[in-house]
Amino acid sequence: MFRKLVSNLAFSPALVGQLGFYARRLRKEETTRRTGLIFIALALVVQSFAVFTPPESANAANADNIIYSGVRDKADLLAIYDRGSDSAGRNDIKQIYAQFGISRADIANGYIGSYNTGDFGGQIKSVGRSDAGVSYRYPVKVADSPTTVFTGGFTDTYGKSWPMPALIGKRAIDGAWFAITLNCGNPVYVVPPPPVKQPSAACTSLNVISLNRNSVRLQAKASVNDGASISGYTYVIKDAKGVVVLNQRANDAKTDSSIDYTLQRDGAYTAQVTASTSLGEKTGDACTQSLTISPEPRCPVNSALVESSPECKPCPSDSKLWYKDKKCIATFTLTKTVRNLTQSLGDANNTQARPGDQLQYTLRVKNTGKDAGDYVMTDTVADVLEYATVTNIGDGKIVTEGPATPAVAVWPSFKVKVGETVEKVIIVKIKDTIPAMAVNLSNPQSYNCKITNTFGNTLNVGVECPPEKVVEQAITELPHTGASENMLFSAIVIAVAVYFYARSRQTSTEIRLIRRDLNAGTI
C-alpha cells in the first residue's frame, strides 16, 4: 500500500491525504509495538525469578523433623547447632547428631549437594522424631537426653526414589558417609557409627558363701575397661532393722576380693559391697545380697527370705515364682482393627473410603503375662486426622502439645488382669471435602491419599482424593529447565521484538522523508 500511494502521487495529488492517514496509522502501530516491547521486558524480569529462585513447598514442616522446618544452608545449620535449639525450642539437636556419630567439625567439613533415597542399593536409613505411623522404624534412646528418636529405611508412596537436598560429608569417627537433609534437619546414614569407647567401671557380683551356720564368706567381683582402675572394696552388712553390723574395707586393686565374717545373732541380713574405682563408687543390685542366719524354713519362692516374711508371696498366676520376680510381670499384646460403618465393611483394612464415610477403629490390649498390670493406652492419630475428624473417642481425648508434636489419642490408665482383653473404640468421619494438600516434603507418608495407623499392627485405608492429587501422583515434579533454556528463549523473543520495532522505525522515516519532499515540491 505504501509503494502504491507513493507511485501515484505524481498523477493524483489528492492521495496526500491518504498518505497522511497511513502515516498516522504507522505511528500508532509504532507506539503499540514499543508498549509490547516494554511488557516483554517486564515478563522476562518476572521469569528470571522463577529461574533463580526455586519454589518452596507450602507444607515443609513436620513433627518428624529433627530441626523444625529444616535449614537453608550450611551456615544456617551451624548457627542452629551452636545455638543448641531450633525454632520450636527443642534443645536436643547436638545430642541427636552425636548419637549418630556426627560432630560439628563433620558438619563444617561437609558440602551442600543432594542424595537419592534409593542410593547405596536402598540401604540408606533416616532418623526422625516420630515413628511416622509405620512399623519399619525402630526407636533409639539418645544419650545425655530424654529424647527417643526413630530410625529405619526409606519407603516411598509411589514406588520411586526421591532426590533430597542435603549437607553431605564423612564422619571423622569412622570415615563413613552421612547426610543431613536440609528440608528437615534429619541425619541420614548407611553404616551405623561405632560405639565411642569410654572408660567404664561396675560392681558385677557379690556371692555369699556359707562356711558354717553363722559364718559367711563374701566374694565380690568388679569390672573395669578402657583405662579405669580399682582401688578397693567396702563391705557392709545390715540386720533386718538396718543397723550396720559390719563396715570393712579391703584395699584390693584386683577385679575380685573376699572377706570372711562371723555373725553373732540369728536373723535376716543384707550384705552389700561397693567397689572404689577411678570413676567413683560402684555398687548395684548385683552387688547386694540377702543372707539369713537362722534355722527357720526359707521362703519357698525366694530363698533369701524366711517363710514368715511378709515379702514371701508367690506370683498370682505362678505359685513357683516370687511376686517381685522379674518374670512375674504383666505382658501386653496390642492389636487393632478397622470397620467401615457406612459401607458395612467388617474389615476395612486395605479398602477405599469415600467422603463422609464413618470408620470405627477398635484397639485391644491383652495381658499375656503372669501378673495384673496398669496400662495407659496411646495411639498416634496424626495421619488419621489429615483426612478425618474424630466423632467419638469414649473416655479418651486427643492430645497435641505443639506444632512439632503429632496428635495422640490417650485414655486414662486402667488395670488389666491376667488373660483379660480391654478394648477402646475411636470413631472417625472422613471429611466431606478431601484436602488436596501436597505430599509433605520431608515425610512422603503425609497427605498421600492413604490413612495409615499402627497400634501393634499397621492398618491402611485409602481415601478418594481430588483429581489434582491424581496428577501429583503421576507427575511428581516439573520439567527441569535451567537458566540456559530460559535465557535462550528470552533472546529469541527479544530478537523478534527488536526486528519489528526497527522495521516500524524504518517505515516511519521513509514516510517523513516523502512528506518533506512533497511539501518542498520536489515530487
Protein backbone atom coordinates (compact mmCIF):
# COMPACT_ATOMS: atom_id res chain seq x y z
CA MET A 1 0.00 0.00 0.00
CA PHE A 2 2.81 2.41 0.86
CA ARG A 3 4.54 1.86 -2.52
CA LYS A 4 1.23 2.26 -4.39
CA LEU A 5 0.47 5.63 -2.75
CA VAL A 6 3.97 6.97 -3.47
CA SER A 7 3.94 5.85 -7.13
CA ASN A 8 0.54 7.55 -7.80
CA LEU A 9 1.27 10.89 -6.08
CA ALA A 10 2.51 12.47 -9.34
CA PHE A 11 -0.78 11.62 -11.05
CA SER A 12 -3.15 12.32 -8.20
CA PRO A 13 -2.01 14.87 -5.58
CA ALA A 14 -5.19 14.12 -3.62
CA LEU A 15 -3.53 10.94 -2.44
CA VAL A 16 -1.50 13.06 0.01
CA GLY A 17 -4.40 12.86 2.44
CA GLN A 18 -4.38 9.08 2.30
CA LEU A 19 -0.63 9.14 2.73
CA GLY A 20 -1.08 11.25 5.90
CA PHE A 21 -3.72 8.81 7.20
CA TYR A 22 -1.32 5.93 6.53
CA ALA A 23 1.47 7.77 8.39
CA ARG A 24 -0.75 8.25 11.45
CA ARG A 25 -1.61 4.57 11.45
CA LEU A 26 2.09 3.69 11.34
CA ARG A 27 2.79 5.97 14.31
CA LYS A 28 0.05 4.24 16.30
CA GLU A 29 1.46 0.86 15.33
CA GLU A 30 4.93 2.02 16.40
CA THR A 31 3.53 3.06 19.80
CA THR A 32 1.81 -0.31 20.18
CA ARG A 33 4.99 -2.21 19.36
CA ARG A 34 7.03 -0.09 21.79
CA THR A 35 4.49 -0.86 24.54
CA GLY A 36 4.67 -4.57 23.67
CA LEU A 37 8.46 -4.46 23.90
CA ILE A 38 8.23 -2.95 27.41
CA PHE A 39 5.80 -5.67 28.59
CA ILE A 40 8.07 -8.39 27.14
CA ALA A 41 11.00 -6.96 29.11
CA LEU A 42 8.91 -6.94 32.32
CA ALA A 43 7.80 -10.55 31.67
CA LEU A 44 11.44 -11.58 31.29
CA VAL A 45 12.25 -9.98 34.67
CA VAL A 46 9.42 -11.91 36.33
CA GLN A 47 10.50 -15.11 34.61
CA SER A 48 14.05 -14.68 35.96
CA PHE A 49 12.66 -15.01 39.50
CA ALA A 50 11.29 -18.47 38.58
CA VAL A 51 14.74 -19.43 37.22
CA PHE A 52 16.96 -18.16 40.02
CA THR A 53 14.60 -18.58 42.99
CA PRO A 54 13.45 -22.21 43.37
CA PRO A 55 9.91 -22.84 44.65
CA GLU A 56 9.35 -23.92 48.22
CA SER A 57 6.72 -26.31 49.48
CA ALA A 58 3.78 -24.89 51.42
CA ASN A 59 3.83 -27.96 53.66
CA ALA A 60 7.55 -28.18 54.62
CA ALA A 61 7.38 -28.56 58.43
CA ASN A 62 6.54 -31.89 60.08
CA ALA A 63 6.62 -33.33 63.59
CA ASP A 64 9.20 -35.82 62.33
CA ASN A 65 11.75 -33.01 61.70
CA ILE A 66 14.89 -33.08 63.85
CA ILE A 67 15.17 -29.32 63.12
CA TYR A 68 11.66 -27.92 62.83
CA SER A 69 11.09 -26.52 59.28
CA GLY A 70 14.66 -27.57 58.28
CA VAL A 71 17.59 -25.31 57.32
CA ARG A 72 18.56 -23.25 54.27
CA ASP A 73 22.28 -23.98 54.01
CA LYS A 74 25.40 -24.97 55.95
CA ALA A 75 25.67 -21.60 57.71
CA ASP A 76 22.07 -21.87 58.92
CA LEU A 77 22.69 -25.45 60.14
CA LEU A 78 25.86 -24.45 62.05
CA ALA A 79 24.06 -21.47 63.61
CA ILE A 80 21.26 -23.71 64.93
CA TYR A 81 23.83 -26.29 66.11
CA ASP A 82 25.82 -23.63 68.02
CA ARG A 83 22.65 -22.09 69.43
CA GLY A 84 21.55 -25.50 70.62
CA SER A 85 17.84 -25.15 69.74
CA ASP A 86 15.55 -24.82 66.73
CA SER A 87 12.56 -22.57 66.05
CA ALA A 88 10.30 -24.92 68.04
CA GLY A 89 12.52 -24.54 71.14
CA ARG A 90 13.90 -28.10 71.10
CA ASN A 91 17.42 -28.19 72.58
CA ASP A 92 18.46 -31.79 71.90
CA ILE A 93 19.87 -31.37 68.37
CA LYS A 94 23.57 -31.73 69.34
CA GLN A 95 22.84 -34.92 71.31
CA ILE A 96 20.87 -36.45 68.40
CA TYR A 97 23.67 -35.78 65.91
CA ALA A 98 26.27 -37.09 68.38
CA GLN A 99 24.21 -40.26 68.84
CA PHE A 100 24.76 -41.00 65.15
CA GLY A 101 28.46 -40.06 65.14
CA ILE A 102 28.13 -36.57 63.58
CA SER A 103 30.21 -33.77 65.13
CA ARG A 104 30.26 -30.04 64.48
CA ALA A 105 33.55 -30.46 62.60
CA ASP A 106 31.90 -33.07 60.37
CA ILE A 107 29.15 -30.58 59.54
CA ALA A 108 31.64 -27.75 58.90
CA ASN A 109 33.64 -30.01 56.55
CA GLY A 110 30.56 -31.11 54.60
CA TYR A 111 29.19 -29.65 51.39
CA ILE A 112 25.73 -28.81 50.09
CA GLY A 113 24.51 -31.30 47.50
CA SER A 114 21.80 -33.93 47.23
CA TYR A 115 21.33 -37.65 47.62
CA ASN A 116 18.70 -40.06 46.33
CA THR A 117 16.68 -42.18 48.73
CA GLY A 118 17.47 -45.19 46.56
CA ASP A 119 21.26 -44.68 46.68
CA PHE A 120 23.62 -47.32 48.17
CA GLY A 121 21.35 -50.10 46.97
CA GLY A 122 18.43 -48.81 49.05
CA GLN A 123 20.42 -49.23 52.31
CA ILE A 124 20.11 -45.58 53.37
CA LYS A 125 18.46 -45.06 56.75
CA SER A 126 16.94 -41.84 58.04
CA VAL A 127 16.42 -40.58 61.60
CA GLY A 128 13.28 -38.75 62.73
CA ARG A 129 11.39 -37.77 65.86
CA SER A 130 8.32 -39.97 65.25
CA ASP A 131 7.60 -43.48 64.06
CA ALA A 132 5.64 -41.88 61.18
CA GLY A 133 2.79 -44.28 61.88
CA VAL A 134 4.71 -47.20 60.34
CA SER A 135 6.17 -50.38 61.79
CA TYR A 136 9.53 -50.48 59.98
CA ARG A 137 11.08 -47.72 62.12
CA TYR A 138 12.62 -48.69 65.46
CA PRO A 139 13.31 -46.40 68.46
CA VAL A 140 16.77 -45.24 69.57
CA LYS A 141 17.30 -43.64 73.02
CA VAL A 142 19.53 -40.57 72.65
CA ALA A 143 22.40 -40.47 75.17
CA ASP A 144 22.54 -37.50 77.59
CA SER A 145 18.98 -36.55 76.61
CA PRO A 146 15.40 -37.65 77.42
CA THR A 147 14.72 -37.81 73.68
CA THR A 148 13.89 -41.01 71.81
CA VAL A 149 14.22 -40.88 68.02
CA PHE A 150 13.22 -43.39 65.36
CA THR A 151 15.37 -44.75 62.55
CA GLY A 152 14.77 -47.01 59.60
CA GLY A 153 15.00 -47.31 55.84
CA PHE A 154 13.19 -45.05 53.38
CA THR A 155 9.86 -46.02 51.88
CA ASP A 156 8.02 -44.25 49.07
CA THR A 157 4.33 -43.78 48.41
CA TYR A 158 4.63 -44.12 44.66
CA GLY A 159 7.36 -46.74 44.42
CA LYS A 160 10.01 -44.21 43.40
CA SER A 161 13.15 -42.89 44.99
CA TRP A 162 13.34 -39.22 45.90
CA PRO A 163 16.14 -36.66 45.40
CA MET A 164 16.84 -34.85 48.65
CA PRO A 165 18.87 -31.60 49.03
CA ALA A 166 21.29 -32.13 51.90
CA LEU A 167 24.59 -31.34 53.57
CA ILE A 168 26.80 -34.31 52.73
CA GLY A 169 30.04 -35.35 54.42
CA LYS A 170 32.04 -38.08 56.12
CA ARG A 171 32.09 -38.88 59.82
CA ALA A 172 35.51 -38.31 61.37
CA ILE A 173 34.94 -41.19 63.77
CA ASP A 174 34.96 -43.86 61.03
CA GLY A 175 35.07 -42.09 57.64
CA ALA A 176 31.56 -43.30 56.75
CA TRP A 177 29.18 -41.32 54.52
CA PHE A 178 26.44 -39.26 56.14
CA ALA A 179 23.99 -36.54 55.15
CA ILE A 180 21.72 -34.04 56.90
CA THR A 181 18.56 -33.38 54.87
CA LEU A 182 18.05 -29.61 54.53
CA ASN A 183 14.24 -29.81 54.45
CA CYS A 184 14.02 -31.33 57.93
CA GLY A 185 17.49 -31.49 59.52
CA ASN A 186 17.20 -35.29 59.79
CA PRO A 187 20.54 -37.19 59.76
CA VAL A 188 20.89 -39.93 57.14
CA TYR A 189 23.44 -42.76 57.15
CA VAL A 190 24.28 -46.11 55.62
CA VAL A 191 26.67 -47.60 58.18
CA PRO A 192 25.77 -47.19 61.88
CA PRO A 193 28.50 -45.30 63.78
CA PRO A 194 30.83 -47.38 66.00
CA PRO A 195 30.27 -47.03 69.74
CA VAL A 196 32.53 -44.46 71.36
CA LYS A 197 34.90 -46.12 73.75
CA GLN A 198 34.76 -44.60 77.21
CA PRO A 199 36.24 -45.75 80.49
CA SER A 200 33.75 -47.83 82.42
CA ALA A 201 33.61 -49.50 85.79
CA ALA A 202 30.97 -51.57 87.56
CA CYS A 203 30.45 -53.79 90.53
CA THR A 204 29.35 -57.01 88.84
CA SER A 205 28.54 -59.50 91.60
CA LEU A 206 28.52 -60.38 95.27
CA ASN A 207 28.32 -64.02 96.31
CA VAL A 208 27.57 -65.09 99.88
CA ILE A 209 29.08 -68.50 100.72
CA SER A 210 28.06 -70.18 103.97
CA LEU A 211 31.09 -71.51 105.87
CA ASN A 212 29.01 -72.80 108.78
CA ARG A 213 25.77 -71.87 110.48
CA ASN A 214 26.74 -68.27 111.33
CA SER A 215 29.93 -67.67 109.30
CA VAL A 216 29.93 -66.46 105.71
CA ARG A 217 32.44 -65.58 103.02
CA LEU A 218 31.62 -62.54 100.93
CA GLN A 219 33.11 -62.76 97.44
CA ALA A 220 32.93 -59.62 95.29
CA LYS A 221 33.77 -59.01 91.65
CA ALA A 222 34.08 -55.82 89.66
CA SER A 223 34.95 -54.93 86.07
CA VAL A 224 36.90 -52.01 84.59
CA ASN A 225 37.56 -51.13 80.94
CA ASP A 226 39.41 -48.61 78.79
CA GLY A 227 41.66 -47.13 81.47
CA ALA A 228 39.50 -47.29 84.59
CA SER A 229 41.05 -48.77 87.77
CA ILE A 230 40.05 -50.25 91.15
CA SER A 231 41.48 -49.10 94.50
CA GLY A 232 39.46 -51.20 96.98
CA TYR A 233 36.18 -52.73 98.21
CA THR A 234 33.94 -51.76 101.12
CA TYR A 235 31.76 -54.50 102.67
CA VAL A 236 28.65 -53.59 104.65
CA ILE A 237 26.24 -55.95 106.40
CA LYS A 238 22.99 -54.68 107.93
CA ASP A 239 20.45 -56.52 110.03
CA ALA A 240 16.71 -56.54 109.37
CA LYS A 241 16.34 -53.19 111.16
CA GLY A 242 19.00 -51.51 109.02
CA VAL A 243 21.61 -51.45 111.78
CA VAL A 244 25.14 -51.79 110.42
CA VAL A 245 26.88 -54.81 111.92
CA LEU A 246 29.90 -54.80 109.57
CA ASN A 247 31.72 -52.00 107.72
CA GLN A 248 35.08 -53.22 106.48
CA ARG A 249 37.35 -52.03 103.67
CA ALA A 250 39.66 -54.30 101.69
CA ASN A 251 42.38 -52.47 99.76
CA ASP A 252 42.38 -54.85 96.82
CA ALA A 253 43.23 -53.38 93.42
CA LYS A 254 42.17 -56.54 91.58
CA THR A 255 38.83 -57.31 89.98
CA ASP A 256 37.90 -59.74 92.75
CA SER A 257 38.04 -59.66 96.51
CA SER A 258 36.71 -61.60 99.53
CA ILE A 259 36.43 -61.45 103.32
CA ASP A 260 35.18 -63.88 105.96
CA TYR A 261 32.86 -62.79 108.76
CA THR A 262 31.05 -64.44 111.66
CA LEU A 263 27.59 -63.11 112.58
CA GLN A 264 26.77 -63.09 116.29
CA ARG A 265 22.99 -63.33 116.05
CA ASP A 266 20.48 -65.24 114.02
CA GLY A 267 18.24 -63.29 111.70
CA ALA A 268 17.96 -61.80 108.25
CA TYR A 269 20.75 -59.61 106.92
CA THR A 270 21.62 -57.65 103.84
CA ALA A 271 25.19 -57.69 102.53
CA GLN A 272 26.41 -55.07 100.10
CA VAL A 273 29.80 -54.38 98.55
CA THR A 274 30.92 -51.11 96.96
CA ALA A 275 33.89 -51.05 94.59
CA SER A 276 36.03 -47.89 94.77
CA THR A 277 37.13 -47.04 91.21
CA SER A 278 38.72 -44.15 89.34
CA LEU A 279 35.19 -43.38 88.10
CA GLY A 280 33.72 -43.26 91.60
CA GLU A 281 31.94 -45.65 93.96
CA LYS A 282 30.20 -48.51 92.13
CA THR A 283 27.53 -50.82 93.52
CA GLY A 284 24.14 -52.09 92.42
CA ASP A 285 21.57 -54.85 92.68
CA ALA A 286 24.10 -57.47 91.58
CA CYS A 287 26.37 -56.45 94.49
CA THR A 288 23.63 -56.64 97.10
CA GLN A 289 22.64 -59.99 98.60
CA SER A 290 20.40 -61.17 101.38
CA LEU A 291 21.51 -63.78 103.91
CA THR A 292 19.93 -65.36 106.95
CA ILE A 293 21.44 -66.93 110.00
CA SER A 294 18.50 -68.96 111.23
CA PRO A 295 17.13 -72.47 111.21
CA GLU A 296 13.76 -71.11 110.29
CA PRO A 297 12.42 -72.53 106.98
CA ARG A 298 13.11 -70.47 103.94
CA CYS A 299 10.51 -68.89 101.75
CA PRO A 300 9.62 -71.47 99.05
CA VAL A 301 9.55 -68.81 96.31
CA ASN A 302 12.56 -66.75 97.50
CA SER A 303 15.29 -68.47 99.45
CA ALA A 304 16.69 -65.13 100.60
CA LEU A 305 13.61 -64.67 102.82
CA VAL A 306 12.27 -66.57 105.80
CA GLU A 307 8.92 -68.27 105.45
CA SER A 308 7.23 -65.83 107.87
CA SER A 309 8.41 -62.75 105.97
CA PRO A 310 5.59 -60.58 104.62
CA GLU A 311 7.52 -60.48 101.35
CA CYS A 312 7.28 -64.26 100.97
CA LYS A 313 4.41 -64.21 98.49
CA PRO A 314 4.03 -66.15 95.22
CA CYS A 315 3.24 -64.70 91.82
CA PRO A 316 -0.59 -64.57 91.38
CA SER A 317 -0.58 -66.82 88.30
CA ASP A 318 2.51 -68.96 89.04
CA SER A 319 2.98 -70.34 92.54
CA LYS A 320 6.62 -71.18 91.79
CA LEU A 321 7.59 -67.53 91.25
CA TRP A 322 8.08 -64.77 93.81
CA TYR A 323 5.63 -61.91 93.33
CA LYS A 324 8.54 -59.49 92.79
CA ASP A 325 10.38 -61.76 90.36
CA LYS A 326 11.27 -60.18 87.02
CA LYS A 327 9.22 -62.87 85.30
CA CYS A 328 6.13 -62.13 87.38
CA ILE A 329 5.02 -59.13 85.34
CA ALA A 330 2.24 -58.10 83.07
CA THR A 331 2.94 -58.51 79.35
CA PHE A 332 0.70 -56.69 76.93
CA THR A 333 -0.19 -57.64 73.34
CA LEU A 334 -1.60 -54.86 71.14
CA THR A 335 -3.92 -55.32 68.15
CA LYS A 336 -6.15 -53.05 66.12
CA THR A 337 -8.97 -53.48 63.59
CA VAL A 338 -10.97 -51.04 61.45
CA ARG A 339 -14.55 -51.21 60.16
CA ASN A 340 -16.29 -49.01 57.58
CA LEU A 341 -19.69 -48.40 59.19
CA THR A 342 -21.06 -46.52 56.17
CA GLN A 343 -20.17 -49.21 53.63
CA SER A 344 -20.89 -52.08 56.12
CA LEU A 345 -17.37 -53.49 55.78
CA GLY A 346 -16.36 -55.62 58.76
CA ASP A 347 -12.69 -55.38 57.78
CA ALA A 348 -11.88 -52.07 56.07
CA ASN A 349 -8.12 -52.60 56.01
CA ASN A 350 -6.71 -52.03 52.51
CA THR A 351 -10.09 -50.74 51.24
CA GLN A 352 -11.14 -47.36 49.81
CA ALA A 353 -13.13 -44.90 51.93
CA ARG A 354 -15.37 -42.25 50.39
CA PRO A 355 -16.03 -38.69 51.65
CA GLY A 356 -18.40 -38.78 54.63
CA ASP A 357 -17.73 -42.47 55.49
CA GLN A 358 -17.54 -43.37 59.17
CA LEU A 359 -14.64 -45.62 60.26
CA GLN A 360 -14.56 -47.46 63.58
CA TYR A 361 -11.10 -48.30 64.96
CA THR A 362 -11.05 -50.88 67.76
CA LEU A 363 -7.88 -51.01 69.90
CA ARG A 364 -7.30 -54.11 72.03
CA VAL A 365 -4.82 -54.68 74.87
CA LYS A 366 -4.45 -58.26 76.13
CA ASN A 367 -2.44 -59.22 79.23
CA THR A 368 -0.49 -62.35 78.27
CA GLY A 369 1.87 -62.08 81.27
CA LYS A 370 1.76 -63.61 84.74
CA ASP A 371 0.53 -60.67 86.79
CA ALA A 372 -2.07 -57.93 86.52
CA GLY A 373 -0.76 -54.56 85.44
CA ASP A 374 -1.74 -50.98 84.74
CA TYR A 375 -1.70 -49.79 81.14
CA VAL A 376 -2.03 -46.34 79.58
CA MET A 377 -3.33 -46.73 76.02
CA THR A 378 -1.99 -44.22 73.48
CA ASP A 379 -2.37 -44.15 69.71
CA THR A 380 -0.71 -41.77 67.22
CA VAL A 381 -3.56 -40.44 65.04
CA ALA A 382 -1.79 -37.62 63.17
CA ASP A 383 -2.14 -39.42 59.83
CA VAL A 384 -5.83 -40.19 60.53
CA LEU A 385 -6.66 -36.54 61.25
CA GLU A 386 -5.29 -35.41 57.86
CA TYR A 387 -8.39 -36.83 56.15
CA ALA A 388 -10.87 -37.41 59.01
CA THR A 389 -12.27 -35.93 62.21
CA VAL A 390 -12.88 -37.80 65.48
CA THR A 391 -16.57 -38.08 66.31
CA ASN A 392 -16.40 -40.48 69.27
CA ILE A 393 -13.44 -41.46 71.46
CA GLY A 394 -15.23 -42.64 74.61
CA ASP A 395 -13.34 -41.68 77.77
CA GLY A 396 -10.22 -40.77 75.80
CA LYS A 397 -9.00 -37.49 74.39
CA ILE A 398 -6.77 -36.15 71.61
CA VAL A 399 -3.54 -34.55 72.90
CA THR A 400 -1.39 -32.18 70.85
CA GLU A 401 1.31 -30.21 72.67
CA GLY A 402 2.62 -28.09 69.79
CA PRO A 403 3.28 -27.82 66.05
CA ALA A 404 6.24 -30.21 66.31
CA THR A 405 4.27 -32.91 68.19
CA PRO A 406 1.97 -35.38 66.38
CA ALA A 407 -1.62 -35.78 67.61
CA VAL A 408 -2.05 -38.70 70.02
CA ALA A 409 -5.21 -40.35 71.35
CA VAL A 410 -4.84 -41.02 75.11
CA TRP A 411 -7.09 -42.93 77.54
CA PRO A 412 -6.92 -42.98 81.35
CA SER A 413 -4.80 -45.71 82.94
CA PHE A 414 -6.62 -49.00 83.57
CA LYS A 415 -5.72 -52.31 85.16
CA VAL A 416 -5.64 -55.44 83.01
CA LYS A 417 -5.93 -58.82 84.70
CA VAL A 418 -4.03 -61.89 83.53
CA GLY A 419 -5.64 -63.15 80.30
CA GLU A 420 -8.03 -60.18 80.14
CA THR A 421 -8.53 -58.09 76.98
CA VAL A 422 -9.54 -54.41 77.19
CA GLU A 423 -10.97 -52.63 74.15
CA LYS A 424 -11.16 -48.93 73.28
CA VAL A 425 -13.01 -47.53 70.25
CA ILE A 426 -12.37 -44.46 68.10
CA ILE A 427 -14.98 -43.46 65.51
CA VAL A 428 -13.87 -41.01 62.83
CA LYS A 429 -15.65 -39.45 59.86
CA ILE A 430 -13.92 -38.93 56.53
CA LYS A 431 -14.08 -35.25 55.64
CA ASP A 432 -16.80 -34.30 53.14
CA THR A 433 -14.20 -32.38 51.14
CA ILE A 434 -10.97 -34.34 50.87
CA PRO A 435 -7.97 -31.96 51.28
CA ALA A 436 -5.78 -31.53 48.21
CA MET A 437 -2.73 -30.74 50.35
CA ALA A 438 0.53 -31.77 48.66
CA VAL A 439 2.56 -34.71 49.97
CA ASN A 440 4.79 -33.48 52.78
CA LEU A 441 8.28 -32.62 51.56
CA SER A 442 10.10 -34.45 54.38
CA ASN A 443 7.51 -37.19 55.04
CA PRO A 444 6.03 -38.82 51.89
CA GLN A 445 3.51 -40.68 54.13
CA SER A 446 1.73 -37.38 54.92
CA TYR A 447 -1.22 -36.40 52.69
CA ASN A 448 -0.65 -39.42 50.42
CA CYS A 449 -4.35 -40.31 49.94
CA LYS A 450 -3.99 -43.08 52.50
CA ILE A 451 -4.73 -43.26 56.23
CA THR A 452 -2.01 -45.30 57.93
CA ASN A 453 -2.27 -46.19 61.61
CA THR A 454 -0.20 -48.53 63.77
CA PHE A 455 -1.17 -49.99 67.13
CA GLY A 456 0.54 -53.36 67.37
CA ASN A 457 -0.29 -53.99 63.71
CA THR A 458 -0.48 -51.48 60.84
CA LEU A 459 -3.77 -50.59 59.09
CA ASN A 460 -4.11 -48.79 55.76
CA VAL A 461 -7.35 -47.24 54.47
CA GLY A 462 -7.30 -45.39 51.16
CA VAL A 463 -9.35 -42.24 50.53
CA GLU A 464 -10.80 -40.87 47.30
CA CYS A 465 -8.59 -37.83 46.74
CA PRO A 466 -9.46 -34.94 44.34
CA PRO A 467 -8.18 -35.01 40.71
CA GLU A 468 -5.22 -32.74 41.43
CA LYS A 469 -3.82 -35.40 43.79
CA VAL A 470 -4.00 -37.90 40.92
CA VAL A 471 -1.92 -35.50 38.84
CA GLU A 472 0.51 -35.15 41.75
CA GLN A 473 0.96 -38.93 41.90
CA ALA A 474 1.52 -39.14 38.13
CA ILE A 475 3.81 -36.09 37.85
CA THR A 476 5.94 -35.62 40.95
CA GLU A 477 7.92 -32.62 39.68
CA LEU A 478 8.01 -30.00 36.90
CA PRO A 479 10.42 -30.33 33.95
CA HIS A 480 13.95 -29.20 34.77
CA THR A 481 14.53 -26.16 32.53
CA GLY A 482 17.59 -24.38 33.79
CA ALA A 483 18.85 -20.86 33.26
CA SER A 484 20.34 -21.70 29.81
CA GLU A 485 16.99 -22.73 28.27
CA ASN A 486 15.18 -19.71 29.72
CA MET A 487 17.87 -17.26 28.54
CA LEU A 488 17.78 -18.77 25.01
CA PHE A 489 14.01 -18.38 24.84
CA SER A 490 14.28 -14.80 26.12
CA ALA A 491 16.93 -13.95 23.49
CA ILE A 492 14.69 -15.22 20.66
CA VAL A 493 11.70 -13.20 21.89
CA ILE A 494 13.83 -10.04 22.21
CA ALA A 495 15.29 -10.50 18.69
CA VAL A 496 11.80 -10.79 17.14
CA ALA A 497 10.53 -7.75 19.04
CA VAL A 498 13.60 -5.64 18.08
CA TYR A 499 13.20 -6.64 14.39
CA PHE A 500 9.59 -5.47 14.18
CA TYR A 501 10.40 -2.32 16.13
CA ALA A 502 13.29 -1.46 13.76
CA ARG A 503 11.11 -2.19 10.69
CA SER A 504 8.45 0.16 12.03
CA ARG A 505 11.04 2.89 12.60
CA GLN A 506 12.37 2.48 9.06
CA THR A 507 8.88 2.79 7.51
CA SER A 508 8.13 5.86 9.62
CA THR A 509 11.38 7.51 8.46
CA GLU A 510 10.57 6.85 4.79
CA ILE A 511 7.15 8.46 5.15
CA ARG A 512 8.63 11.50 6.88
CA LEU A 513 11.12 11.99 4.00
CA ILE A 514 8.37 11.70 1.35
CA ARG A 515 6.20 14.25 3.15
CA ARG A 516 9.16 16.64 3.37
CA ASP A 517 9.86 16.24 -0.37
CA LEU A 518 6.16 16.74 -1.13
CA ASN A 519 5.97 19.92 0.90
CA ALA A 520 9.14 21.19 -0.77
CA GLY A 521 7.64 20.50 -4.22
CA THR A 522 10.37 18.12 -5.29
CA ILE A 523 7.80 15.36 -6.03
